[in-house]
Amino acid sequence: MKDVRVTVDQSDSASFPGGRVDADRVEATTDPEIQVQIDRDNEAAMADMGKYIRAVRSRIGMTQREFSERIGISVDTLRNWEQGRRHPTGTARALLRIIDKAPEVAVAAPQR
């Protein structure tokens, strides 16, 4: 792929490159079509999150039961996450990122 450098003046919107957006097509998109795409994107994100969670758990060498007990959730919740039926939010998502980046610290942390 060819690299292209572009210089823009933030105060002049005309200096921004046009890109590949078909403005007519965007304007013609209906709200129901937008909702369908949002739903598809959410399904894809949940599937990707499931793969991510499974990879994190596998990397530290824990079974679903061990991992769920370690982070304080039910095995059913973990299975739902890994299968893309549900996804972690807030604190759980942050904890998964910590486990991903520093598994030795997260796994060594004392349990309650």
C-alpha atoms as a PDB file:
ATOM      1  CA  MET A   1       0.000   0.000   0.000  1.00  0.00           C
ATOM      2  CA  LYS A   2       1.237   3.433  -0.896  1.00  0.00           C
ATOM      3  CA  ASP A   3       1.766   5.961   1.927  1.00  0.00           C
ATOM      4  CA  VAL A   4       0.287   9.385   1.337  1.00  0.00           C
ATOM      5  CA  ARG A   5       1.066  12.423   3.472  1.00  0.00           C
ATOM      6  CA  VAL A   6      -1.571  15.094   3.861  1.00  0.00           C
ATOM      7  CA  THR A   7      -1.209  18.475   5.501  1.00  0.00           C
ATOM      8  CA  VAL A   8      -4.363  20.071   6.825  1.00  0.00           C
ATOM      9  CA  ASP A   9      -5.226  23.348   8.439  1.00  0.00           C
ATOM     10  CA  GLN A  10      -7.534  22.551  11.366  1.00  0.00           C
ATOM     11  CA  SER A  11      -9.193  25.938  11.090  1.00  0.00           C
ATOM     12  CA  ASP A  12     -10.053  25.366   7.395  1.00  0.00           C
ATOM     13  CA  SER A  13     -12.337  22.362   6.790  1.00  0.00           C
ATOM     14  CA  ALA A  14     -11.753  22.685   3.034  1.00  0.00           C
ATOM     15  CA  SER A  15      -8.140  21.548   3.568  1.00  0.00           C
ATOM     16  CA  PHE A  16      -9.287  18.116   4.810  1.00  0.00           C
ATOM     17  CA  PRO A  17      -9.030  15.362   2.210  1.00  0.00           C
ATOM     18  CA  GLY A  18     -12.304  14.181   0.686  1.00  0.00           C
ATOM     19  CA  GLY A  19     -11.802  10.524   1.486  1.00  0.00           C
ATOM     20  CA  ARG A  20     -13.901   7.729   0.051  1.00  0.00           C
ATOM     21  CA  VAL A  21     -17.255   8.519   1.612  1.00  0.00           C
ATOM     22  CA  ASP A  22     -20.170   8.596  -0.783  1.00  0.00           C
ATOM     23  CA  ALA A  23     -22.155  11.483   0.722  1.00  0.00           C
ATOM     24  CA  ASP A  24     -25.232  10.781  -1.422  1.00  0.00           C
ATOM     25  CA  ARG A  25     -25.344   7.188  -0.235  1.00  0.00           C
ATOM     26  CA  VAL A  26     -24.934   8.243   3.394  1.00  0.00           C
ATOM     27  CA  GLU A  27     -27.771  10.745   3.083  1.00  0.00           C
ATOM     28  CA  ALA A  28     -30.005   8.126   1.420  1.00  0.00           C
ATOM     29  CA  THR A  29     -29.528   5.650   4.279  1.00  0.00           C
ATOM     30  CA  THR A  30     -32.703   5.211   6.319  1.00  0.00           C
ATOM     31  CA  ASP A  31     -32.947   4.890  10.099  1.00  0.00           C
ATOM     32  CA  PRO A  32     -33.981   1.204   9.889  1.00  0.00           C
ATOM     33  CA  GLU A  33     -30.950   0.477   7.664  1.00  0.00           C
ATOM     34  CA  ILE A  34     -28.701   2.234  10.171  1.00  0.00           C
ATOM     35  CA  GLN A  35     -30.194   0.171  13.016  1.00  0.00           C
ATOM     36  CA  VAL A  36     -29.575  -3.075  11.091  1.00  0.00           C
ATOM     37  CA  GLN A  37     -25.912  -2.099  10.663  1.00  0.00           C
ATOM     38  CA  ILE A  38     -25.606  -1.155  14.341  1.00  0.00           C
ATOM     39  CA  ASP A  39     -26.995  -4.565  15.301  1.00  0.00           C
ATOM     40  CA  ARG A  40     -24.543  -6.328  12.952  1.00  0.00           C
ATOM     41  CA  ASP A  41     -21.635  -4.326  14.360  1.00  0.00           C
ATOM     42  CA  ASN A  42     -22.674  -5.178  17.922  1.00  0.00           C
ATOM     43  CA  GLU A  43     -22.897  -8.890  17.086  1.00  0.00           C
ATOM     44  CA  ALA A  44     -19.427  -8.798  15.537  1.00  0.00           C
ATOM     45  CA  ALA A  45     -17.993  -6.926  18.521  1.00  0.00           C
ATOM     46  CA  MET A  46     -19.479  -9.440  20.954  1.00  0.00           C
ATOM     47  CA  ALA A  47     -18.017 -12.334  18.944  1.00  0.00           C
ATOM     48  CA  ASP A  48     -14.615 -10.634  18.909  1.00  0.00           C
ATOM     49  CA  MET A  49     -14.834  -9.974  22.665  1.00  0.00           C
ATOM     50  CA  GLY A  50     -15.557 -13.668  23.192  1.00  0.00           C
ATOM     51  CA  LYS A  51     -12.432 -14.615  21.236  1.00  0.00           C
ATOM     52  CA  TYR A  52     -10.420 -12.081  23.227  1.00  0.00           C
ATOM     53  CA  ILE A  53     -11.634 -13.419  26.578  1.00  0.00           C
ATOM     54  CA  ARG A  54     -10.991 -17.027  25.540  1.00  0.00           C
ATOM     55  CA  ALA A  55      -7.476 -16.101  24.371  1.00  0.00           C
ATOM     56  CA  VAL A  56      -6.681 -14.320  27.654  1.00  0.00           C
ATOM     57  CA  ARG A  57      -7.900 -17.292  29.693  1.00  0.00           C
ATOM     58  CA  SER A  58      -6.030 -19.787  27.533  1.00  0.00           C
ATOM     59  CA  ARG A  59      -2.806 -17.774  27.690  1.00  0.00           C
ATOM     60  CA  ILE A  60      -2.721 -18.017  31.474  1.00  0.00           C
ATOM     61  CA  GLY A  61      -3.603 -21.700  31.326  1.00  0.00           C
ATOM     62  CA  MET A  62      -6.825 -21.759  33.325  1.00  0.00           C
ATOM     63  CA  THR A  63     -10.001 -23.720  32.785  1.00  0.00           C
ATOM     64  CA  GLN A  64     -13.279 -21.838  32.613  1.00  0.00           C
ATOM     65  CA  ARG A  65     -14.058 -22.893  36.176  1.00  0.00           C
ATOM     66  CA  GLU A  66     -10.661 -21.770  37.523  1.00  0.00           C
ATOM     67  CA  PHE A  67     -10.806 -18.461  35.666  1.00  0.00           C
ATOM     68  CA  SER A  68     -14.368 -17.678  36.694  1.00  0.00           C
ATOM     69  CA  GLU A  69     -13.619 -18.423  40.354  1.00  0.00           C
ATOM     70  CA  ARG A  70     -10.458 -16.321  40.185  1.00  0.00           C
ATOM     71  CA  ILE A  71     -12.234 -13.214  38.870  1.00  0.00           C
ATOM     72  CA  GLY A  72     -15.395 -13.742  40.910  1.00  0.00           C
ATOM     73  CA  ILE A  73     -18.012 -14.556  38.288  1.00  0.00           C
ATOM     74  CA  SER A  74     -20.084 -17.643  37.551  1.00  0.00           C
ATOM     75  CA  VAL A  75     -18.953 -20.194  34.985  1.00  0.00           C
ATOM     76  CA  ASP A  76     -22.195 -19.514  33.110  1.00  0.00           C
ATOM     77  CA  THR A  77     -21.323 -15.823  32.829  1.00  0.00           C
ATOM     78  CA  LEU A  78     -17.867 -16.659  31.491  1.00  0.00           C
ATOM     79  CA  ARG A  79     -19.342 -19.096  28.974  1.00  0.00           C
ATOM     80  CA  ASN A  80     -21.821 -16.461  27.815  1.00  0.00           C
ATOM     81  CA  TRP A  81     -18.941 -14.011  27.345  1.00  0.00           C
ATOM     82  CA  GLU A  82     -16.785 -16.485  25.458  1.00  0.00           C
ATOM     83  CA  GLN A  83     -19.656 -17.544  23.214  1.00  0.00           C
ATOM     84  CA  GLY A  84     -20.601 -13.947  22.424  1.00  0.00           C
ATOM     85  CA  ARG A  85     -24.067 -14.089  23.960  1.00  0.00           C
ATOM     86  CA  ARG A  86     -23.146 -11.453  26.537  1.00  0.00           C
ATOM     87  CA  HIS A  87     -20.182  -9.171  27.060  1.00  0.00           C
ATOM     88  CA  PRO A  88     -18.406  -7.770  30.083  1.00  0.00           C
ATOM     89  CA  THR A  89     -18.864  -4.138  30.969  1.00  0.00           C
ATOM     90  CA  GLY A  90     -17.200  -1.623  33.253  1.00  0.00           C
ATOM     91  CA  THR A  91     -15.069  -3.174  35.956  1.00  0.00           C
ATOM     92  CA  ALA A  92     -15.072  -6.654  34.419  1.00  0.00           C
ATOM     93  CA  ARG A  93     -13.777  -5.303  31.112  1.00  0.00           C
ATOM     94  CA  ALA A  94     -11.041  -3.351  32.931  1.00  0.00           C
ATOM     95  CA  LEU A  95     -10.050  -6.456  34.897  1.00  0.00           C
ATOM     96  CA  LEU A  96      -9.779  -8.476  31.674  1.00  0.00           C
ATOM     97  CA  ARG A  97      -7.423  -5.853  30.210  1.00  0.00           C
ATOM     98  CA  ILE A  98      -5.265  -6.025  33.348  1.00  0.00           C
ATOM     99  CA  ILE A  99      -5.167  -9.817  33.169  1.00  0.00           C
ATOM    100  CA  ASP A 100      -4.234  -9.563  29.493  1.00  0.00           C
ATOM    101  CA  LYS A 101      -1.384  -7.101  30.091  1.00  0.00           C
ATOM    102  CA  ALA A 102      -0.067  -8.417  33.443  1.00  0.00           C
ATOM    103  CA  PRO A 103      -1.426 -11.943  34.005  1.00  0.00           C
ATOM    104  CA  GLU A 104       1.203 -12.813  36.604  1.00  0.00           C
ATOM    105  CA  VAL A 105       0.074  -9.909  38.780  1.00  0.00           C
ATOM    106  CA  ALA A 106      -3.640 -10.547  38.348  1.00  0.00           C
ATOM    107  CA  VAL A 107      -3.378 -14.291  38.974  1.00  0.00           C
ATOM    108  CA  ALA A 108      -1.094 -13.807  41.992  1.00  0.00           C
ATOM    109  CA  ALA A 109      -3.436 -11.289  43.640  1.00  0.00           C
ATOM    110  CA  PRO A 110      -5.030 -12.694  46.807  1.00  0.00           C
ATOM    111  CA  GLN A 111      -8.651 -13.757  46.634  1.00  0.00           C
ATOM    112  CA  ARG A 112     -11.228 -12.655  49.168  1.00  0.00           C
END
